[in-house]
Amino acid sequence: MKGIKLCMIVFVMVYCILPRVVVVVMHMHYHQHYGNL
Protein backbone atom coordinates (compact mmCIF):
# COMPACT_ATOMS: atom_id res chain seq x y z
CA MET A 1 0.00 0.00 0.00
CA LYS A 2 2.84 2.37 0.86
CA GLY A 3 4.55 1.63 -2.47
CA ILE A 4 1.36 2.42 -4.41
CA LYS A 5 1.01 5.75 -2.58
CA LEU A 6 4.65 6.59 -3.33
CA CYS A 7 4.12 5.78 -7.01
CA MET A 8 1.05 8.04 -7.11
CA ILE A 9 3.00 10.91 -5.50
CA VAL A 10 5.84 10.49 -8.02
CA PHE A 11 3.34 10.32 -10.89
CA VAL A 12 1.61 13.53 -9.73
CA MET A 13 4.96 15.32 -9.29
CA VAL A 14 6.10 14.29 -12.78
CA TYR A 15 2.71 15.25 -14.26
CA CYS A 16 2.90 18.70 -12.61
CA ILE A 17 6.61 19.45 -13.18
CA LEU A 18 7.17 17.98 -16.66
CA PRO A 19 5.02 20.55 -18.57
CA ARG A 20 6.88 23.40 -16.83
CA VAL A 21 10.25 21.87 -17.75
CA VAL A 22 9.10 21.46 -21.37
CA VAL A 23 7.92 25.10 -21.47
CA VAL A 24 11.23 26.36 -20.03
CA VAL A 25 13.28 24.25 -22.46
CA MET A 26 11.18 25.38 -25.44
CA HIS A 27 11.42 29.01 -24.26
CA MET A 28 15.23 28.80 -23.99
CA HIS A 29 15.44 27.02 -27.36
CA TYR A 30 13.23 29.69 -28.97
CA HIS A 31 15.37 32.55 -27.64
CA GLN A 32 18.55 30.77 -28.68
CA HIS A 33 17.33 30.68 -32.29
CA TYR A 34 15.25 33.85 -32.63
CA GLY A 35 16.67 36.14 -29.93
CA ASN A 36 19.24 37.72 -32.29
CA LEU A 37 16.73 38.93 -34.89
PDB file of N, CA and C in Angstrom:
ATOM      1  N   MET A   1       0.844  -1.210   0.000  1.00  0.00           N
ATOM      2  CA  MET A   1       0.000   0.000   0.000  1.00  0.00           C
ATOM      3  C   MET A   1       0.879   1.259   0.000  1.00  0.00           C
ATOM      4  N   LYS A   2       1.950   1.220   0.786  1.00  0.00           N
ATOM      5  CA  LYS A   2       2.844   2.370   0.856  1.00  0.00           C
ATOM      6  C   LYS A   2       3.531   2.607  -0.491  1.00  0.00           C
ATOM      7  N   GLY A   3       3.903   1.514  -1.164  1.00  0.00           N
ATOM      8  CA  GLY A   3       4.546   1.626  -2.475  1.00  0.00           C
ATOM      9  C   GLY A   3       3.633   2.244  -3.516  1.00  0.00           C
ATOM     10  N   ILE A   4       2.341   1.875  -3.460  1.00  0.00           N
ATOM     11  CA  ILE A   4       1.362   2.424  -4.413  1.00  0.00           C
ATOM     12  C   ILE A   4       1.205   3.925  -4.183  1.00  0.00           C
ATOM     13  N   LYS A   5       1.148   4.330  -2.916  1.00  0.00           N
ATOM     14  CA  LYS A   5       1.005   5.746  -2.584  1.00  0.00           C
ATOM     15  C   LYS A   5       2.225   6.529  -3.064  1.00  0.00           C
ATOM     16  N   LEU A   6       3.414   5.952  -2.882  1.00  0.00           N
ATOM     17  CA  LEU A   6       4.648   6.594  -3.332  1.00  0.00           C
ATOM     18  C   LEU A   6       4.650   6.755  -4.842  1.00  0.00           C
ATOM     19  N   CYS A   7       4.200   5.717  -5.550  1.00  0.00           N
ATOM     20  CA  CYS A   7       4.117   5.781  -7.013  1.00  0.00           C
ATOM     21  C   CYS A   7       3.150   6.874  -7.462  1.00  0.00           C
ATOM     22  N   MET A   8       2.034   7.003  -6.763  1.00  0.00           N
ATOM     23  CA  MET A   8       1.050   8.040  -7.106  1.00  0.00           C
ATOM     24  C   MET A   8       1.633   9.431  -6.897  1.00  0.00           C
ATOM     25  N   ILE A   9       2.374   9.616  -5.788  1.00  0.00           N
ATOM     26  CA  ILE A   9       3.000  10.911  -5.503  1.00  0.00           C
ATOM     27  C   ILE A   9       4.014  11.254  -6.588  1.00  0.00           C
ATOM     28  N   VAL A  10       4.845  10.274  -6.963  1.00  0.00           N
ATOM     29  CA  VAL A  10       5.843  10.487  -8.019  1.00  0.00           C
ATOM     30  C   VAL A  10       5.155  10.818  -9.336  1.00  0.00           C
ATOM     31  N   PHE A  11       4.075  10.092  -9.650  1.00  0.00           N
ATOM     32  CA  PHE A  11       3.336  10.320 -10.894  1.00  0.00           C
ATOM     33  C   PHE A  11       2.766  11.732 -10.935  1.00  0.00           C
ATOM     34  N   VAL A  12       2.192  12.186  -9.810  1.00  0.00           N
ATOM     35  CA  VAL A  12       1.612  13.533  -9.734  1.00  0.00           C
ATOM     36  C   VAL A  12       2.708  14.590  -9.868  1.00  0.00           C
ATOM     37  N   MET A  13       3.846  14.364  -9.205  1.00  0.00           N
ATOM     38  CA  MET A  13       4.958  15.317  -9.291  1.00  0.00           C
ATOM     39  C   MET A  13       5.458  15.435 -10.721  1.00  0.00           C
ATOM     40  N   VAL A  14       5.639  14.302 -11.387  1.00  0.00           N
ATOM     41  CA  VAL A  14       6.096  14.295 -12.781  1.00  0.00           C
ATOM     42  C   VAL A  14       5.074  14.988 -13.668  1.00  0.00           C
ATOM     43  N   TYR A  15       3.791  14.684 -13.438  1.00  0.00           N
ATOM     44  CA  TYR A  15       2.710  15.248 -14.256  1.00  0.00           C
ATOM     45  C   TYR A  15       2.620  16.761 -14.080  1.00  0.00           C
ATOM     46  N   CYS A  16       2.964  17.258 -12.881  1.00  0.00           N
ATOM     47  CA  CYS A  16       2.903  18.702 -12.608  1.00  0.00           C
ATOM     48  C   CYS A  16       4.162  19.426 -13.082  1.00  0.00           C
ATOM     49  N   ILE A  17       5.330  18.780 -12.912  1.00  0.00           N
ATOM     50  CA  ILE A  17       6.610  19.445 -13.178  1.00  0.00           C
ATOM     51  C   ILE A  17       7.003  19.350 -14.645  1.00  0.00           C
ATOM     52  N   LEU A  18       6.710  18.219 -15.287  1.00  0.00           N
ATOM     53  CA  LEU A  18       7.166  17.977 -16.656  1.00  0.00           C
ATOM     54  C   LEU A  18       6.713  19.050 -17.643  1.00  0.00           C
ATOM     55  N   PRO A  19       5.432  19.483 -17.643  1.00  0.00           N
ATOM     56  CA  PRO A  19       5.016  20.548 -18.566  1.00  0.00           C
ATOM     57  C   PRO A  19       5.802  21.846 -18.368  1.00  0.00           C
ATOM     58  N   ARG A  20       6.117  22.181 -17.118  1.00  0.00           N
ATOM     59  CA  ARG A  20       6.883  23.401 -16.833  1.00  0.00           C
ATOM     60  C   ARG A  20       8.292  23.289 -17.389  1.00  0.00           C
ATOM     61  N   VAL A  21       8.898  22.104 -17.228  1.00  0.00           N
ATOM     62  CA  VAL A  21      10.246  21.866 -17.754  1.00  0.00           C
ATOM     63  C   VAL A  21      10.240  21.985 -19.273  1.00  0.00           C
ATOM     64  N   VAL A  22       9.221  21.401 -19.908  1.00  0.00           N
ATOM     65  CA  VAL A  22       9.098  21.461 -21.371  1.00  0.00           C
ATOM     66  C   VAL A  22       8.952  22.912 -21.831  1.00  0.00           C
ATOM     67  N   VAL A  23       8.131  23.693 -21.126  1.00  0.00           N
ATOM     68  CA  VAL A  23       7.921  25.099 -21.474  1.00  0.00           C
ATOM     69  C   VAL A  23       9.226  25.883 -21.339  1.00  0.00           C
ATOM     70  N   VAL A  24       9.959  25.657 -20.252  1.00  0.00           N
ATOM     71  CA  VAL A  24      11.230  26.358 -20.025  1.00  0.00           C
ATOM     72  C   VAL A  24      12.243  25.997 -21.108  1.00  0.00           C
ATOM     73  N   VAL A  25      12.337  24.709 -21.430  1.00  0.00           N
ATOM     74  CA  VAL A  25      13.281  24.252 -22.458  1.00  0.00           C
ATOM     75  C   VAL A  25      12.913  24.837 -23.818  1.00  0.00           C
ATOM     76  N   MET A  26      11.632  24.822 -24.163  1.00  0.00           N
ATOM     77  CA  MET A  26      11.183  25.382 -25.438  1.00  0.00           C
ATOM     78  C   MET A  26      11.446  26.886 -25.483  1.00  0.00           C
ATOM     79  N   HIS A  27      11.212  27.565 -24.353  1.00  0.00           N
ATOM     80  CA  HIS A  27      11.422  29.006 -24.264  1.00  0.00           C
ATOM     81  C   HIS A  27      12.899  29.344 -24.482  1.00  0.00           C
ATOM     82  N   MET A  28      13.799  28.596 -23.832  1.00  0.00           N
ATOM     83  CA  MET A  28      15.234  28.800 -23.995  1.00  0.00           C
ATOM     84  C   MET A  28      15.650  28.504 -25.431  1.00  0.00           C
ATOM     85  N   HIS A  29      15.122  27.434 -25.990  1.00  0.00           N
ATOM     86  CA  HIS A  29      15.435  27.020 -27.358  1.00  0.00           C
ATOM     87  C   HIS A  29      14.980  28.089 -28.345  1.00  0.00           C
ATOM     88  N   TYR A  30      13.793  28.639 -28.111  1.00  0.00           N
ATOM     89  CA  TYR A  30      13.229  29.687 -28.966  1.00  0.00           C
ATOM     90  C   TYR A  30      14.122  30.928 -28.952  1.00  0.00           C
ATOM     91  N   HIS A  31      14.533  31.355 -27.756  1.00  0.00           N
ATOM     92  CA  HIS A  31      15.366  32.551 -27.644  1.00  0.00           C
ATOM     93  C   HIS A  31      16.756  32.322 -28.219  1.00  0.00           C
ATOM     94  N   GLN A  32      17.234  31.087 -28.133  1.00  0.00           N
ATOM     95  CA  GLN A  32      18.550  30.765 -28.679  1.00  0.00           C
ATOM     96  C   GLN A  32      18.545  30.922 -30.198  1.00  0.00           C
ATOM     97  N   HIS A  33      17.419  30.621 -30.831  1.00  0.00           N
ATOM     98  CA  HIS A  33      17.329  30.676 -32.290  1.00  0.00           C
ATOM     99  C   HIS A  33      16.854  32.028 -32.804  1.00  0.00           C
ATOM    100  N   TYR A  34      15.908  32.651 -32.107  1.00  0.00           N
ATOM    101  CA  TYR A  34      15.248  33.848 -32.632  1.00  0.00           C
ATOM    102  C   TYR A  34      15.535  35.108 -31.818  1.00  0.00           C
ATOM    103  N   GLY A  35      16.391  34.995 -30.791  1.00  0.00           N
ATOM    104  CA  GLY A  35      16.673  36.140 -29.932  1.00  0.00           C
ATOM    105  C   GLY A  35      17.553  37.182 -30.604  1.00  0.00           C
ATOM    106  N   ASN A  36      18.289  36.799 -31.659  1.00  0.00           N
ATOM    107  CA  ASN A  36      19.237  37.717 -32.294  1.00  0.00           C
ATOM    108  C   ASN A  36      18.650  38.414 -33.513  1.00  0.00           C
ATOM    109  N   LEU A  37      17.354  38.247 -33.754  1.00  0.00           N
ATOM    110  CA  LEU A  37      16.730  38.928 -34.890  1.00  0.00           C
ATOM    111  C   LEU A  37      16.446  40.393 -34.541  1.00  0.00           C
TER     112      LEU A  37
END
